[in-house]
Structures are given as C-alpha cells and as structure tokens.
C-alpha atoms as a PDB file:
ATOM      1  CA  MET A   1       2.885  -3.544 -10.733  1.00  0.00           C
ATOM      2  CA  PRO A   2       1.159  -6.378  -8.933  1.00  0.00           C
ATOM      3  CA  THR A   3      -2.315  -5.363  -7.799  1.00  0.00           C
ATOM      4  CA  ILE A   4      -3.153  -6.709  -4.355  1.00  0.00           C
ATOM      5  CA  PHE A   5      -6.818  -5.686  -4.409  1.00  0.00           C
ATOM      6  CA  ARG A   6      -9.231  -2.890  -5.324  1.00  0.00           C
ATOM      7  CA  HIS A   7     -11.628  -1.122  -2.991  1.00  0.00           C
ATOM      8  CA  ASN A   8     -13.989   1.798  -3.686  1.00  0.00           C
ATOM      9  CA  GLY A   9     -12.253   2.513  -6.982  1.00  0.00           C
ATOM     10  CA  PHE A  10      -8.782   2.624  -5.425  1.00  0.00           C
ATOM     11  CA  ARG A  11      -6.101   0.177  -6.518  1.00  0.00           C
ATOM     12  CA  TYR A  12      -3.796  -1.195  -3.793  1.00  0.00           C
ATOM     13  CA  PHE A  13      -0.491  -2.382  -5.241  1.00  0.00           C
ATOM     14  CA  PHE A  14       3.289  -2.417  -5.096  1.00  0.00           C
ATOM     15  CA  PHE A  15       5.904  -2.080  -7.819  1.00  0.00           C
ATOM     16  CA  ALA A  16       7.699  -5.202  -9.019  1.00  0.00           C
ATOM     17  CA  ASN A  17      11.119  -3.664  -8.314  1.00  0.00           C
ATOM     18  CA  GLU A  18      10.352  -2.730  -4.688  1.00  0.00           C
ATOM     19  CA  ASN A  19      11.792  -5.348  -2.430  1.00  0.00           C
ATOM     20  CA  ARG A  20      14.289  -5.422   0.406  1.00  0.00           C
ATOM     21  CA  SER A  21      17.133  -4.394  -1.898  1.00  0.00           C
ATOM     22  CA  SER A  22      15.541  -0.946  -2.106  1.00  0.00           C
ATOM     23  CA  ASN A  23      15.980  -0.634   1.685  1.00  0.00           C
ATOM     24  CA  GLU A  24      12.307   0.203   2.093  1.00  0.00           C
ATOM     25  CA  PRO A  25      10.070  -1.744   4.465  1.00  0.00           C
ATOM     26  CA  ILE A  26       6.973  -3.537   3.224  1.00  0.00           C
ATOM     27  CA  HIS A  27       4.539  -0.944   1.934  1.00  0.00           C
ATOM     28  CA  VAL A  28       1.538  -0.458  -0.314  1.00  0.00           C
ATOM     29  CA  HIS A  29       0.712   2.171  -2.913  1.00  0.00           C
ATOM     30  CA  VAL A  30      -2.884   3.295  -3.408  1.00  0.00           C
ATOM     31  CA  GLU A  31      -4.088   5.108  -6.536  1.00  0.00           C
ATOM     32  CA  LYS A  32      -7.253   6.340  -8.153  1.00  0.00           C
ATOM     33  CA  ALA A  33      -7.178   8.784 -11.074  1.00  0.00           C
ATOM     34  CA  GLU A  34      -5.001  11.736  -9.974  1.00  0.00           C
ATOM     35  CA  LYS A  35      -4.846  10.634  -6.324  1.00  0.00           C
ATOM     36  CA  ALA A  36      -2.076   8.606  -4.717  1.00  0.00           C
ATOM     37  CA  ALA A  37      -0.741   7.514  -1.344  1.00  0.00           C
ATOM     38  CA  LYS A  38       1.891   5.210   0.074  1.00  0.00           C
ATOM     39  CA  PHE A  39       1.685   3.470   3.447  1.00  0.00           C
ATOM     40  CA  TRP A  40       4.469   1.683   5.316  1.00  0.00           C
ATOM     41  CA  ILE A  41       3.201  -1.626   6.712  1.00  0.00           C
ATOM     42  CA  GLU A  42       5.917  -2.935   9.039  1.00  0.00           C
ATOM     43  CA  ASN A  43       5.947  -1.718  12.646  1.00  0.00           C
ATOM     44  CA  GLY A  44       2.467  -0.248  12.337  1.00  0.00           C
ATOM     45  CA  ILE A  45       0.592   1.444   9.517  1.00  0.00           C
ATOM     46  CA  VAL A  46       2.181   4.811   8.699  1.00  0.00           C
ATOM     47  CA  LEU A  47       1.410   7.218   5.877  1.00  0.00           C
ATOM     48  CA  ALA A  48       4.646   7.726   3.927  1.00  0.00           C
ATOM     49  CA  GLU A  49       3.319  10.204   1.361  1.00  0.00           C
ATOM     50  CA  SER A  50       0.161  11.296  -0.390  1.00  0.00           C
ATOM     51  CA  TYR A  51      -0.910  13.414  -3.316  1.00  0.00           C
ATOM     52  CA  ASN A  52      -4.264  15.056  -3.954  1.00  0.00           C
ATOM     53  CA  MET A  53      -6.135  13.140  -1.219  1.00  0.00           C
ATOM     54  CA  SER A  54      -8.426  14.505   1.441  1.00  0.00           C
ATOM     55  CA  THR A  55      -7.943  13.788   5.119  1.00  0.00           C
ATOM     56  CA  LYS A  56     -11.097  11.645   5.074  1.00  0.00           C
ATOM     57  CA  GLU A  57      -9.903   9.603   2.093  1.00  0.00           C
ATOM     58  CA  LEU A  58      -6.560   9.001   3.791  1.00  0.00           C
ATOM     59  CA  ALA A  59      -8.268   7.930   7.023  1.00  0.00           C
ATOM     60  CA  ASP A  60     -10.576   5.566   5.119  1.00  0.00           C
ATOM     61  CA  ILE A  61      -7.688   4.098   3.136  1.00  0.00           C
ATOM     62  CA  GLU A  62      -5.583   3.677   6.260  1.00  0.00           C
ATOM     63  CA  GLU A  63      -8.427   1.677   7.812  1.00  0.00           C
ATOM     64  CA  ILE A  64      -8.637  -0.561   4.711  1.00  0.00           C
ATOM     65  CA  VAL A  65      -4.854  -1.066   4.811  1.00  0.00           C
ATOM     66  CA  ARG A  66      -5.074  -1.930   8.514  1.00  0.00           C
ATOM     67  CA  GLU A  67      -7.891  -4.444   7.864  1.00  0.00           C
ATOM     68  CA  ASN A  68      -5.876  -6.058   5.048  1.00  0.00           C
ATOM     69  CA  GLU A  69      -2.395  -5.829   6.556  1.00  0.00           C
ATOM     70  CA  ASP A  70      -1.925  -9.613   6.614  1.00  0.00           C
ATOM     71  CA  VAL A  71      -2.987  -9.963   2.968  1.00  0.00           C
ATOM     72  CA  ILE A  72      -0.607  -7.196   1.884  1.00  0.00           C
ATOM     73  CA  ILE A  73       2.326  -8.758   3.743  1.00  0.00           C
ATOM     74  CA  ILE A  74       1.574 -12.237   2.385  1.00  0.00           C
ATOM     75  CA  ARG A  75       1.315 -10.986  -1.219  1.00  0.00           C
ATOM     76  CA  TRP A  76       4.555  -8.993  -0.849  1.00  0.00           C
ATOM     77  CA  LYS A  77       6.457 -11.985   0.547  1.00  0.00           C
ATOM     78  CA  GLU A  78       5.022 -14.372  -2.055  1.00  0.00           C
ATOM     79  CA  PHE A  79       5.963 -12.049  -4.910  1.00  0.00           C
ATOM     80  CA  PHE A  80       9.495 -11.346  -3.689  1.00  0.00           C
ATOM     81  CA  GLY A  81      10.125 -14.909  -2.496  1.00  0.00           C
ATOM     82  CA  GLU A  82      10.649 -14.049   1.142  1.00  0.00           C
END
C-alpha cells in the first residue's frame, strides 16, 4: 500500500494491486483509525465511498485531495508504470 502523503493524521494512499486492470480510474484512499474514504481523481474529484467520517472531515479531505491532485496522479502513474 504505497503511501502518497499524510495530512492531519490521515494517510493518503492506494493499494499496490489497483491499476487500470481493475477498471477503476485513478483514485486515492484516505484512512485514520476507524475512518476511511475513497475519492476518484480523474474527471474531477468525486467521493466514491466513505465510512465513519463527518461531512466536515470529508469536505476538508476533498480540499486536500484537490490541492494535491497532480501529486496523486504522478505517484499513481510512476508506481504503475504508466
């Protein structure tokens, strides 16, 4: 599970087996303790799913994802050799 970065105790990452062969667009997982979310990155930032997170936390995380969209895409493509 390559970690892209950490922010405010949340880890932003993707799984090593999640590439184009899974038919999912570029995305990022975010976790902290018992909280989790997944955001699609391509064609805009879209919340795919979340667990145990408040609306405020999701809004804050979405903003961080938006600010780091280029970094997330670069790390994804580097890791999967795209």
